[in-house]
Amino acid sequence: MKSTKGRYTIQSAAASITIATIIANVTSVFTAAMGWAADVGEAIAGNPLLLLFCIIPLVGLGVGLFRRLLGIR
């Protein structure tokens, strides 16, 4: 389908890209990302040294946030 708008010709390719294909592509990327996150989580949970390097920053973040909350008056 061709339509003319002013002096430019606009060609539509609506048949090749649909909402269903976009949703399918986003779903496949999301599924792959969740699989990667699960692999990283399993590796961290399986190795206590890696778990230590993940927990210490989270504890520091919690302490810092708590100190800020106490400092607000």
N, C-alpha and C. Protein backbone atom coordinates (compact mmCIF):
# COMPACT_ATOMS: atom_id res chain seq x y z
N MET A 1 0.85 -1.16 0.00
CA MET A 1 0.00 0.00 0.00
C MET A 1 0.90 1.23 0.00
N LYS A 2 0.65 2.09 -0.94
CA LYS A 2 1.40 3.34 -1.03
C LYS A 2 0.44 4.50 -0.88
N SER A 3 0.87 5.47 -0.14
CA SER A 3 0.08 6.69 -0.04
C SER A 3 1.01 7.88 -0.20
N THR A 4 0.49 8.91 -0.78
CA THR A 4 1.32 10.10 -1.01
C THR A 4 0.92 11.16 -0.01
N LYS A 5 1.92 11.72 0.61
CA LYS A 5 1.67 12.79 1.56
C LYS A 5 2.61 13.92 1.19
N GLY A 6 2.07 14.96 0.63
CA GLY A 6 2.92 16.05 0.17
C GLY A 6 3.72 15.58 -1.04
N ARG A 7 5.00 15.69 -1.00
CA ARG A 7 5.83 15.24 -2.10
C ARG A 7 6.57 13.94 -1.81
N TYR A 8 6.35 13.37 -0.62
CA TYR A 8 7.01 12.12 -0.24
C TYR A 8 6.06 10.95 -0.40
N THR A 9 6.60 9.81 -0.73
CA THR A 9 5.80 8.60 -0.83
C THR A 9 6.06 7.75 0.41
N ILE A 10 5.01 7.41 1.14
CA ILE A 10 5.12 6.61 2.36
C ILE A 10 4.63 5.21 2.03
N GLN A 11 5.49 4.23 2.30
CA GLN A 11 5.12 2.85 2.03
C GLN A 11 4.91 2.14 3.36
N SER A 12 3.80 1.48 3.50
CA SER A 12 3.44 0.82 4.74
C SER A 12 3.82 -0.65 4.69
N ALA A 13 4.41 -1.16 5.79
CA ALA A 13 4.78 -2.58 5.89
C ALA A 13 4.08 -3.20 7.08
N ALA A 14 2.78 -2.97 7.18
CA ALA A 14 2.01 -3.43 8.33
C ALA A 14 1.88 -4.94 8.39
N ALA A 15 1.99 -5.61 7.29
CA ALA A 15 1.81 -7.06 7.28
C ALA A 15 2.99 -7.79 7.91
N SER A 16 4.18 -7.21 7.87
CA SER A 16 5.35 -7.92 8.39
C SER A 16 5.53 -7.72 9.89
N ILE A 17 5.13 -6.60 10.46
CA ILE A 17 5.27 -6.35 11.88
C ILE A 17 3.89 -6.17 12.48
N THR A 18 3.57 -7.05 13.43
CA THR A 18 2.28 -6.94 14.11
C THR A 18 2.53 -6.85 15.61
N ILE A 19 1.50 -6.53 16.33
CA ILE A 19 1.60 -6.47 17.79
C ILE A 19 1.93 -7.84 18.35
N ALA A 20 1.40 -8.89 17.74
CA ALA A 20 1.65 -10.25 18.21
C ALA A 20 3.13 -10.61 18.09
N THR A 21 3.78 -10.21 16.99
CA THR A 21 5.20 -10.52 16.84
C THR A 21 6.04 -9.70 17.82
N ILE A 22 5.65 -8.47 18.08
CA ILE A 22 6.38 -7.65 19.06
C ILE A 22 6.25 -8.25 20.45
N ILE A 23 5.04 -8.66 20.82
CA ILE A 23 4.84 -9.27 22.13
C ILE A 23 5.60 -10.58 22.24
N ALA A 24 5.63 -11.36 21.18
CA ALA A 24 6.38 -12.62 21.19
C ALA A 24 7.87 -12.37 21.35
N ASN A 25 8.40 -11.36 20.69
CA ASN A 25 9.82 -11.04 20.82
C ASN A 25 10.16 -10.53 22.22
N VAL A 26 9.31 -9.67 22.78
CA VAL A 26 9.55 -9.17 24.13
C VAL A 26 9.48 -10.32 25.14
N THR A 27 8.54 -11.22 24.94
CA THR A 27 8.40 -12.38 25.82
C THR A 27 9.64 -13.26 25.77
N SER A 28 10.17 -13.50 24.59
CA SER A 28 11.35 -14.35 24.49
C SER A 28 12.57 -13.69 25.13
N VAL A 29 12.71 -12.38 24.99
CA VAL A 29 13.83 -11.68 25.63
C VAL A 29 13.67 -11.70 27.15
N PHE A 30 12.47 -11.49 27.64
CA PHE A 30 12.22 -11.52 29.08
C PHE A 30 12.48 -12.91 29.65
N THR A 31 12.05 -13.95 28.94
CA THR A 31 12.28 -15.32 29.39
C THR A 31 13.77 -15.63 29.45
N ALA A 32 14.52 -15.19 28.45
CA ALA A 32 15.97 -15.41 28.45
C ALA A 32 16.63 -14.67 29.60
N ALA A 33 16.21 -13.43 29.87
CA ALA A 33 16.79 -12.65 30.97
C ALA A 33 16.50 -13.30 32.32
N MET A 34 15.31 -13.84 32.49
CA MET A 34 14.99 -14.54 33.73
C MET A 34 15.83 -15.80 33.89
N GLY A 35 16.10 -16.48 32.79
CA GLY A 35 16.96 -17.66 32.84
C GLY A 35 18.38 -17.29 33.24
N TRP A 36 18.89 -16.19 32.70
CA TRP A 36 20.23 -15.73 33.06
C TRP A 36 20.29 -15.34 34.53
N ALA A 37 19.26 -14.65 35.02
CA ALA A 37 19.21 -14.25 36.43
C ALA A 37 19.15 -15.48 37.33
N ALA A 38 18.42 -16.51 36.91
CA ALA A 38 18.36 -17.75 37.69
C ALA A 38 19.72 -18.43 37.72
N ASP A 39 20.44 -18.43 36.61
CA ASP A 39 21.78 -19.02 36.58
C ASP A 39 22.73 -18.29 37.52
N VAL A 40 22.67 -16.97 37.51
CA VAL A 40 23.53 -16.18 38.41
C VAL A 40 23.14 -16.42 39.85
N GLY A 41 21.85 -16.47 40.13
CA GLY A 41 21.38 -16.74 41.50
C GLY A 41 21.81 -18.10 42.00
N GLU A 42 21.75 -19.10 41.15
CA GLU A 42 22.19 -20.44 41.54
C GLU A 42 23.69 -20.46 41.80
N ALA A 43 24.47 -19.76 40.98
CA ALA A 43 25.92 -19.71 41.18
C ALA A 43 26.26 -19.01 42.48
N ILE A 44 25.55 -17.92 42.79
CA ILE A 44 25.81 -17.19 44.03
C ILE A 44 25.39 -18.01 45.25
N ALA A 45 24.24 -18.65 45.17
CA ALA A 45 23.76 -19.45 46.30
C ALA A 45 24.62 -20.69 46.51
N GLY A 46 25.23 -21.19 45.45
CA GLY A 46 26.06 -22.39 45.57
C GLY A 46 27.46 -22.12 46.08
N ASN A 47 27.90 -20.87 46.05
CA ASN A 47 29.25 -20.53 46.48
C ASN A 47 29.16 -19.52 47.62
N PRO A 48 29.49 -19.92 48.86
CA PRO A 48 29.36 -19.01 50.00
C PRO A 48 30.20 -17.74 49.89
N LEU A 49 31.34 -17.81 49.21
CA LEU A 49 32.17 -16.61 49.07
C LEU A 49 31.46 -15.57 48.20
N LEU A 50 30.83 -16.00 47.12
CA LEU A 50 30.05 -15.06 46.30
C LEU A 50 28.85 -14.52 47.06
N LEU A 51 28.25 -15.37 47.87
CA LEU A 51 27.10 -14.94 48.67
C LEU A 51 27.53 -13.87 49.67
N LEU A 52 28.72 -14.00 50.23
CA LEU A 52 29.24 -13.02 51.16
C LEU A 52 29.41 -11.66 50.48
N PHE A 53 29.92 -11.67 49.24
CA PHE A 53 30.12 -10.42 48.51
C PHE A 53 28.80 -9.80 48.06
N CYS A 54 27.72 -10.54 48.10
CA CYS A 54 26.41 -9.96 47.77
C CYS A 54 25.69 -9.46 49.02
N ILE A 55 25.90 -10.11 50.15
CA ILE A 55 25.16 -9.75 51.36
C ILE A 55 25.77 -8.54 52.06
N ILE A 56 27.09 -8.43 52.08
CA ILE A 56 27.73 -7.31 52.78
C ILE A 56 27.30 -5.96 52.21
N PRO A 57 27.27 -5.75 50.89
CA PRO A 57 26.77 -4.45 50.40
C PRO A 57 25.31 -4.19 50.74
N LEU A 58 24.49 -5.24 50.76
CA LEU A 58 23.09 -5.04 51.11
C LEU A 58 22.93 -4.63 52.57
N VAL A 59 23.75 -5.21 53.46
CA VAL A 59 23.71 -4.83 54.87
C VAL A 59 24.17 -3.37 55.01
N GLY A 60 25.22 -3.01 54.29
CA GLY A 60 25.69 -1.63 54.33
C GLY A 60 24.65 -0.65 53.83
N LEU A 61 23.93 -1.04 52.79
CA LEU A 61 22.85 -0.20 52.26
C LEU A 61 21.75 -0.03 53.30
N GLY A 62 21.39 -1.11 53.97
CA GLY A 62 20.36 -1.04 55.01
C GLY A 62 20.78 -0.17 56.17
N VAL A 63 22.02 -0.30 56.60
CA VAL A 63 22.52 0.53 57.71
C VAL A 63 22.54 2.00 57.30
N GLY A 64 23.00 2.29 56.09
CA GLY A 64 23.04 3.67 55.62
C GLY A 64 21.65 4.29 55.54
N LEU A 65 20.68 3.54 55.02
CA LEU A 65 19.32 4.06 54.94
C LEU A 65 18.73 4.28 56.33
N PHE A 66 19.01 3.36 57.25
CA PHE A 66 18.50 3.50 58.61
C PHE A 66 19.10 4.72 59.30
N ARG A 67 20.39 4.97 59.08
CA ARG A 67 21.03 6.15 59.67
C ARG A 67 20.43 7.43 59.10
N ARG A 68 20.14 7.42 57.81
CA ARG A 68 19.50 8.62 57.22
C ARG A 68 18.12 8.85 57.79
N LEU A 69 17.38 7.76 57.99
CA LEU A 69 16.03 7.91 58.56
C LEU A 69 16.10 8.44 59.98
N LEU A 70 17.07 8.01 60.75
CA LEU A 70 17.21 8.51 62.11
C LEU A 70 17.67 9.96 62.14
N GLY A 71 18.40 10.37 61.11
CA GLY A 71 18.92 11.74 61.05
C GLY A 71 17.86 12.76 60.68
N ILE A 72 16.76 12.32 60.07
CA ILE A 72 15.69 13.23 59.67
C ILE A 72 14.87 13.60 60.90
N ARG A 73 14.73 14.90 61.14
CA ARG A 73 13.94 15.33 62.32
C ARG A 73 12.96 16.37 61.92
